[in-house]
Amino acid sequence: MKVWKDILSGDEMVTDTFPHEIPEEYNEACLLVKAKYTTKKSEFVAIASDDVDEGGEDGETVVDVIDAMRLQEVQLTKKDFMGIIKGFLGTLAKKLEAEGKGDRVAGFKKGATGMVKLIVGKFDEF
């Protein structure tokens, strides 16, 4: 199994068990992962014959990737996002150079800029 990690924090972001692709138009600066809504079943276990599940049949509806990888949702405005992403991309470029991958920085910056433009353009959909 392949696991993609955040290069700065080391946190596991996603695995190859989810449908994914690496879009060429973004110079391998991102990973496009297809997620879906799923309903988690109740974790109730009846131990005695008189135990009854009060919760009913319905479970919690979650996004499969977010739930499986234990990711946390962050509420940001477009202005907040732009402030954070600029610093993040700058730090990431420095990390690539420090690890001897300086030849990838120009392509990464170009791809990441395209991805940020896409996200900002559709910000209200995220």
N, C-alpha and C. Protein backbone atom coordinates (compact mmCIF):
# COMPACT_ATOMS: atom_id res chain seq x y z
N MET A 1 0.85 -1.17 0.00
CA MET A 1 0.00 0.00 0.00
C MET A 1 0.90 1.24 0.00
N LYS A 2 0.54 2.20 -0.84
CA LYS A 2 1.28 3.46 -0.91
C LYS A 2 0.56 4.49 -0.05
N VAL A 3 1.32 5.22 0.76
CA VAL A 3 0.77 6.25 1.65
C VAL A 3 1.42 7.58 1.29
N TRP A 4 0.59 8.60 1.04
CA TRP A 4 1.12 9.94 0.79
C TRP A 4 1.08 10.71 2.09
N LYS A 5 2.22 11.34 2.40
CA LYS A 5 2.35 12.10 3.64
C LYS A 5 2.60 13.56 3.34
N ASP A 6 2.20 14.41 4.28
CA ASP A 6 2.54 15.83 4.21
C ASP A 6 4.04 15.91 4.45
N ILE A 7 4.78 16.49 3.51
CA ILE A 7 6.24 16.53 3.59
C ILE A 7 6.74 17.38 4.76
N LEU A 8 5.92 18.33 5.21
CA LEU A 8 6.34 19.20 6.32
C LEU A 8 6.00 18.61 7.68
N SER A 9 4.78 18.12 7.85
CA SER A 9 4.37 17.61 9.16
C SER A 9 4.60 16.11 9.33
N GLY A 10 4.66 15.38 8.22
CA GLY A 10 4.79 13.94 8.29
C GLY A 10 3.47 13.23 8.48
N ASP A 11 2.36 13.98 8.54
CA ASP A 11 1.04 13.39 8.71
C ASP A 11 0.64 12.60 7.47
N GLU A 12 0.01 11.45 7.67
CA GLU A 12 -0.50 10.67 6.56
C GLU A 12 -1.76 11.35 6.02
N MET A 13 -1.78 11.59 4.71
CA MET A 13 -2.90 12.31 4.09
C MET A 13 -3.89 11.36 3.40
N VAL A 14 -3.37 10.39 2.65
CA VAL A 14 -4.24 9.48 1.91
C VAL A 14 -3.43 8.25 1.48
N THR A 15 -4.13 7.17 1.18
CA THR A 15 -3.47 5.97 0.68
C THR A 15 -3.99 5.65 -0.73
N ASP A 16 -3.31 4.72 -1.37
CA ASP A 16 -3.72 4.36 -2.72
C ASP A 16 -4.94 3.44 -2.76
N THR A 17 -5.56 3.19 -1.63
CA THR A 17 -6.79 2.40 -1.61
C THR A 17 -7.98 3.22 -2.11
N PHE A 18 -7.82 4.54 -2.17
CA PHE A 18 -8.86 5.42 -2.70
C PHE A 18 -8.55 5.74 -4.16
N PRO A 19 -9.58 5.83 -5.01
CA PRO A 19 -9.34 6.18 -6.41
C PRO A 19 -8.64 7.54 -6.49
N HIS A 20 -7.57 7.60 -7.28
CA HIS A 20 -6.78 8.83 -7.34
C HIS A 20 -6.08 8.96 -8.68
N GLU A 21 -5.60 10.16 -8.94
CA GLU A 21 -4.77 10.42 -10.11
C GLU A 21 -3.85 11.58 -9.80
N ILE A 22 -2.75 11.65 -10.56
CA ILE A 22 -1.82 12.77 -10.43
C ILE A 22 -1.96 13.57 -11.72
N PRO A 23 -2.70 14.69 -11.67
CA PRO A 23 -2.96 15.46 -12.89
C PRO A 23 -1.67 16.04 -13.47
N GLU A 24 -1.41 15.77 -14.73
CA GLU A 24 -0.19 16.26 -15.38
C GLU A 24 -0.15 17.78 -15.48
N GLU A 25 -1.32 18.40 -15.61
CA GLU A 25 -1.34 19.86 -15.78
C GLU A 25 -0.85 20.61 -14.54
N TYR A 26 -0.71 19.91 -13.42
CA TYR A 26 -0.21 20.55 -12.19
C TYR A 26 1.19 20.07 -11.83
N ASN A 27 1.92 19.50 -12.77
CA ASN A 27 3.33 19.10 -12.60
C ASN A 27 3.58 18.31 -11.32
N GLU A 28 2.71 17.36 -11.03
CA GLU A 28 2.84 16.51 -9.85
C GLU A 28 2.85 17.30 -8.53
N ALA A 29 2.22 18.47 -8.54
CA ALA A 29 2.16 19.29 -7.32
C ALA A 29 0.99 18.89 -6.43
N CYS A 30 0.10 18.05 -6.95
CA CYS A 30 -1.05 17.65 -6.15
C CYS A 30 -1.49 16.24 -6.53
N LEU A 31 -2.36 15.72 -5.70
CA LEU A 31 -2.95 14.41 -5.92
C LEU A 31 -4.45 14.61 -5.89
N LEU A 32 -5.13 14.18 -6.93
CA LEU A 32 -6.59 14.31 -7.01
C LEU A 32 -7.20 12.99 -6.54
N VAL A 33 -7.94 13.05 -5.43
CA VAL A 33 -8.50 11.84 -4.82
C VAL A 33 -10.02 11.93 -4.89
N LYS A 34 -10.64 10.85 -5.35
CA LYS A 34 -12.09 10.81 -5.44
C LYS A 34 -12.64 10.23 -4.14
N ALA A 35 -13.45 11.02 -3.46
CA ALA A 35 -14.04 10.60 -2.20
C ALA A 35 -15.54 10.42 -2.39
N LYS A 36 -16.16 9.75 -1.43
CA LYS A 36 -17.61 9.58 -1.49
C LYS A 36 -18.19 9.59 -0.08
N TYR A 37 -19.45 9.93 -0.01
CA TYR A 37 -20.15 9.90 1.27
C TYR A 37 -20.53 8.46 1.58
N THR A 38 -20.32 8.09 2.83
CA THR A 38 -20.73 6.76 3.29
C THR A 38 -21.40 6.91 4.64
N THR A 39 -22.17 5.92 5.00
CA THR A 39 -22.83 5.93 6.30
C THR A 39 -22.16 4.91 7.19
N LYS A 40 -21.64 5.39 8.30
CA LYS A 40 -20.99 4.50 9.26
C LYS A 40 -22.08 3.75 10.04
N LYS A 41 -21.87 2.48 10.21
CA LYS A 41 -22.81 1.66 10.98
C LYS A 41 -22.60 1.91 12.46
N SER A 42 -23.60 1.61 13.22
CA SER A 42 -23.51 1.71 14.67
C SER A 42 -22.48 0.71 15.18
N GLU A 43 -21.75 1.08 16.21
CA GLU A 43 -20.74 0.19 16.79
C GLU A 43 -21.30 -0.55 18.01
N PHE A 44 -22.61 -0.57 18.13
CA PHE A 44 -23.26 -1.22 19.26
C PHE A 44 -23.08 -2.73 19.19
N VAL A 45 -22.69 -3.34 20.30
CA VAL A 45 -22.56 -4.79 20.39
C VAL A 45 -23.43 -5.25 21.55
N ALA A 46 -24.38 -6.13 21.26
CA ALA A 46 -25.26 -6.67 22.30
C ALA A 46 -24.52 -7.78 23.05
N ILE A 47 -24.35 -7.59 24.36
CA ILE A 47 -23.62 -8.58 25.16
C ILE A 47 -24.60 -9.56 25.81
N ALA A 48 -25.69 -9.04 26.31
CA ALA A 48 -26.69 -9.90 26.93
C ALA A 48 -27.93 -9.94 26.03
N SER A 49 -28.77 -10.90 26.25
CA SER A 49 -29.94 -11.05 25.39
C SER A 49 -30.94 -9.91 25.56
N ASP A 50 -30.87 -9.18 26.67
CA ASP A 50 -31.81 -8.09 26.87
C ASP A 50 -31.23 -6.72 26.48
N ASP A 51 -29.99 -6.68 25.95
CA ASP A 51 -29.40 -5.42 25.48
C ASP A 51 -30.13 -4.99 24.21
N VAL A 52 -30.47 -3.70 24.17
CA VAL A 52 -31.19 -3.17 23.01
C VAL A 52 -30.44 -1.95 22.50
N ASP A 53 -30.28 -1.86 21.18
CA ASP A 53 -29.64 -0.70 20.55
C ASP A 53 -30.68 0.41 20.43
N GLU A 54 -30.50 1.48 21.20
CA GLU A 54 -31.43 2.60 21.18
C GLU A 54 -31.22 3.51 19.97
N GLY A 55 -30.09 3.34 19.27
CA GLY A 55 -29.72 4.26 18.20
C GLY A 55 -30.46 4.08 16.90
N GLY A 56 -31.15 2.97 16.69
CA GLY A 56 -31.84 2.75 15.43
C GLY A 56 -30.89 2.25 14.36
N GLU A 57 -31.36 2.22 13.14
CA GLU A 57 -30.61 1.66 12.02
C GLU A 57 -29.64 2.65 11.37
N ASP A 58 -29.96 3.94 11.42
CA ASP A 58 -29.15 4.93 10.73
C ASP A 58 -27.85 5.22 11.46
N GLY A 59 -26.81 5.47 10.67
CA GLY A 59 -25.52 5.83 11.25
C GLY A 59 -25.13 7.24 10.80
N GLU A 60 -23.94 7.62 11.13
CA GLU A 60 -23.42 8.94 10.79
C GLU A 60 -22.92 8.94 9.34
N THR A 61 -23.26 9.97 8.56
CA THR A 61 -22.79 10.09 7.19
C THR A 61 -21.48 10.86 7.20
N VAL A 62 -20.44 10.27 6.58
CA VAL A 62 -19.10 10.86 6.57
C VAL A 62 -18.52 10.76 5.16
N VAL A 63 -17.45 11.51 4.91
CA VAL A 63 -16.68 11.38 3.68
C VAL A 63 -15.63 10.30 3.94
N ASP A 64 -15.58 9.29 3.09
CA ASP A 64 -14.75 8.11 3.36
C ASP A 64 -13.27 8.43 3.59
N VAL A 65 -12.68 9.29 2.76
CA VAL A 65 -11.26 9.62 2.90
C VAL A 65 -11.00 10.35 4.22
N ILE A 66 -11.83 11.32 4.52
CA ILE A 66 -11.67 12.11 5.74
C ILE A 66 -11.79 11.22 6.97
N ASP A 67 -12.77 10.32 6.96
CA ASP A 67 -12.98 9.44 8.10
C ASP A 67 -11.86 8.42 8.24
N ALA A 68 -11.47 7.78 7.16
CA ALA A 68 -10.44 6.73 7.22
C ALA A 68 -9.08 7.28 7.61
N MET A 69 -8.74 8.47 7.14
CA MET A 69 -7.43 9.06 7.43
C MET A 69 -7.45 9.95 8.67
N ARG A 70 -8.60 10.07 9.29
CA ARG A 70 -8.79 10.89 10.50
C ARG A 70 -8.36 12.35 10.27
N LEU A 71 -8.76 12.88 9.12
CA LEU A 71 -8.44 14.27 8.80
C LEU A 71 -9.42 15.19 9.50
N GLN A 72 -9.02 16.42 9.72
CA GLN A 72 -9.86 17.40 10.40
C GLN A 72 -10.24 18.53 9.45
N GLU A 73 -11.51 18.90 9.44
CA GLU A 73 -11.97 19.99 8.61
C GLU A 73 -11.55 21.32 9.24
N VAL A 74 -11.14 22.25 8.38
CA VAL A 74 -10.74 23.57 8.83
C VAL A 74 -11.60 24.60 8.09
N GLN A 75 -12.20 25.51 8.83
CA GLN A 75 -13.02 26.55 8.22
C GLN A 75 -12.15 27.77 7.94
N LEU A 76 -12.03 28.14 6.67
CA LEU A 76 -11.21 29.29 6.27
C LEU A 76 -11.99 30.18 5.32
N THR A 77 -11.69 31.46 5.40
CA THR A 77 -12.18 32.37 4.37
C THR A 77 -11.18 32.33 3.22
N LYS A 78 -11.56 32.90 2.09
CA LYS A 78 -10.65 32.93 0.95
C LYS A 78 -9.38 33.70 1.31
N LYS A 79 -9.52 34.78 2.07
CA LYS A 79 -8.37 35.58 2.49
C LYS A 79 -7.45 34.77 3.41
N ASP A 80 -8.04 34.04 4.35
CA ASP A 80 -7.26 33.19 5.25
C ASP A 80 -6.50 32.12 4.46
N PHE A 81 -7.20 31.49 3.51
CA PHE A 81 -6.59 30.45 2.69
C PHE A 81 -5.38 31.00 1.93
N MET A 82 -5.52 32.15 1.32
CA MET A 82 -4.42 32.74 0.55
C MET A 82 -3.23 33.05 1.44
N GLY A 83 -3.49 33.54 2.65
CA GLY A 83 -2.40 33.82 3.58
C GLY A 83 -1.66 32.57 4.00
N ILE A 84 -2.39 31.51 4.25
CA ILE A 84 -1.78 30.25 4.69
C ILE A 84 -1.05 29.57 3.54
N ILE A 85 -1.66 29.53 2.36
CA ILE A 85 -1.08 28.77 1.25
C ILE A 85 0.22 29.41 0.75
N LYS A 86 0.31 30.73 0.79
CA LYS A 86 1.56 31.38 0.36
C LYS A 86 2.72 30.96 1.24
N GLY A 87 2.52 30.99 2.54
CA GLY A 87 3.57 30.57 3.47
C GLY A 87 3.88 29.09 3.34
N PHE A 88 2.84 28.27 3.17
CA PHE A 88 3.01 26.83 3.03
C PHE A 88 3.82 26.47 1.79
N LEU A 89 3.47 27.08 0.66
CA LEU A 89 4.18 26.78 -0.59
C LEU A 89 5.63 27.25 -0.54
N GLY A 90 5.88 28.40 0.08
CA GLY A 90 7.25 28.89 0.23
C GLY A 90 8.08 27.95 1.08
N THR A 91 7.52 27.51 2.20
CA THR A 91 8.22 26.57 3.08
C THR A 91 8.46 25.24 2.38
N LEU A 92 7.49 24.80 1.61
CA LEU A 92 7.61 23.54 0.88
C LEU A 92 8.71 23.61 -0.18
N ALA A 93 8.79 24.73 -0.88
CA ALA A 93 9.86 24.90 -1.89
C ALA A 93 11.24 24.86 -1.22
N LYS A 94 11.37 25.50 -0.07
CA LYS A 94 12.65 25.47 0.66
C LYS A 94 12.99 24.06 1.11
N LYS A 95 11.98 23.30 1.54
CA LYS A 95 12.20 21.92 1.98
C LYS A 95 12.67 21.06 0.80
N LEU A 96 12.09 21.25 -0.38
CA LEU A 96 12.51 20.49 -1.55
C LEU A 96 13.97 20.79 -1.89
N GLU A 97 14.34 22.06 -1.85
CA GLU A 97 15.73 22.43 -2.13
C GLU A 97 16.69 21.85 -1.09
N ALA A 98 16.28 21.87 0.17
CA ALA A 98 17.13 21.35 1.24
C ALA A 98 17.33 19.84 1.11
N GLU A 99 16.36 19.15 0.53
CA GLU A 99 16.47 17.70 0.36
C GLU A 99 17.12 17.32 -0.96
N GLY A 100 17.70 18.32 -1.66
CA GLY A 100 18.39 18.03 -2.91
C GLY A 100 17.48 17.84 -4.10
N LYS A 101 16.27 18.33 -4.00
CA LYS A 101 15.31 18.20 -5.10
C LYS A 101 15.04 19.56 -5.74
N GLY A 102 16.06 20.39 -5.80
CA GLY A 102 15.94 21.74 -6.34
C GLY A 102 15.48 21.77 -7.78
N ASP A 103 15.78 20.70 -8.54
CA ASP A 103 15.36 20.64 -9.94
C ASP A 103 13.84 20.53 -10.09
N ARG A 104 13.14 20.14 -9.04
CA ARG A 104 11.68 20.00 -9.09
C ARG A 104 10.95 21.27 -8.67
N VAL A 105 11.67 22.23 -8.07
CA VAL A 105 11.02 23.40 -7.48
C VAL A 105 10.28 24.25 -8.52
N ALA A 106 10.89 24.53 -9.65
CA ALA A 106 10.25 25.38 -10.67
C ALA A 106 8.96 24.74 -11.17
N GLY A 107 8.99 23.46 -11.48
CA GLY A 107 7.79 22.76 -11.94
C GLY A 107 6.73 22.69 -10.86
N PHE A 108 7.19 22.47 -9.62
CA PHE A 108 6.26 22.42 -8.49
C PHE A 108 5.55 23.77 -8.33
N LYS A 109 6.32 24.85 -8.35
CA LYS A 109 5.73 26.18 -8.18
C LYS A 109 4.70 26.46 -9.26
N LYS A 110 5.01 26.10 -10.50
CA LYS A 110 4.09 26.33 -11.60
C LYS A 110 2.80 25.51 -11.41
N GLY A 111 2.95 24.24 -11.07
CA GLY A 111 1.79 23.39 -10.85
C GLY A 111 0.98 23.81 -9.65
N ALA A 112 1.65 24.16 -8.56
CA ALA A 112 0.95 24.59 -7.35
C ALA A 112 0.20 25.89 -7.58
N THR A 113 0.79 26.81 -8.35
CA THR A 113 0.12 28.07 -8.66
C THR A 113 -1.17 27.80 -9.43
N GLY A 114 -1.11 26.88 -10.40
CA GLY A 114 -2.31 26.51 -11.15
C GLY A 114 -3.37 25.90 -10.25
N MET A 115 -2.96 25.06 -9.34
CA MET A 115 -3.90 24.42 -8.42
C MET A 115 -4.54 25.44 -7.49
N VAL A 116 -3.75 26.37 -6.98
CA VAL A 116 -4.28 27.41 -6.09
C VAL A 116 -5.29 28.27 -6.85
N LYS A 117 -5.01 28.60 -8.12
CA LYS A 117 -5.95 29.38 -8.93
C LYS A 117 -7.27 28.62 -9.08
N LEU A 118 -7.21 27.32 -9.30
CA LEU A 118 -8.41 26.50 -9.42
C LEU A 118 -9.21 26.53 -8.12
N ILE A 119 -8.53 26.34 -7.00
CA ILE A 119 -9.20 26.32 -5.70
C ILE A 119 -9.83 27.68 -5.39
N VAL A 120 -9.10 28.74 -5.61
CA VAL A 120 -9.62 30.09 -5.33
C VAL A 120 -10.81 30.39 -6.23
N GLY A 121 -10.73 29.97 -7.49
CA GLY A 121 -11.83 30.22 -8.42
C GLY A 121 -13.10 29.48 -8.03
N LYS A 122 -12.97 28.33 -7.39
CA LYS A 122 -14.13 27.54 -6.98
C LYS A 122 -14.22 27.45 -5.46
N PHE A 123 -13.73 28.46 -4.77
CA PHE A 123 -13.59 28.40 -3.31
C PHE A 123 -14.90 28.08 -2.61
N ASP A 124 -16.00 28.63 -3.10
CA ASP A 124 -17.29 28.41 -2.44
C ASP A 124 -17.77 26.97 -2.56
N GLU A 125 -17.19 26.18 -3.47
CA GLU A 125 -17.59 24.79 -3.64
C GLU A 125 -16.84 23.85 -2.71
N PHE A 126 -15.76 24.34 -2.10
CA PHE A 126 -14.96 23.50 -1.21
C PHE A 126 -15.44 23.60 0.21
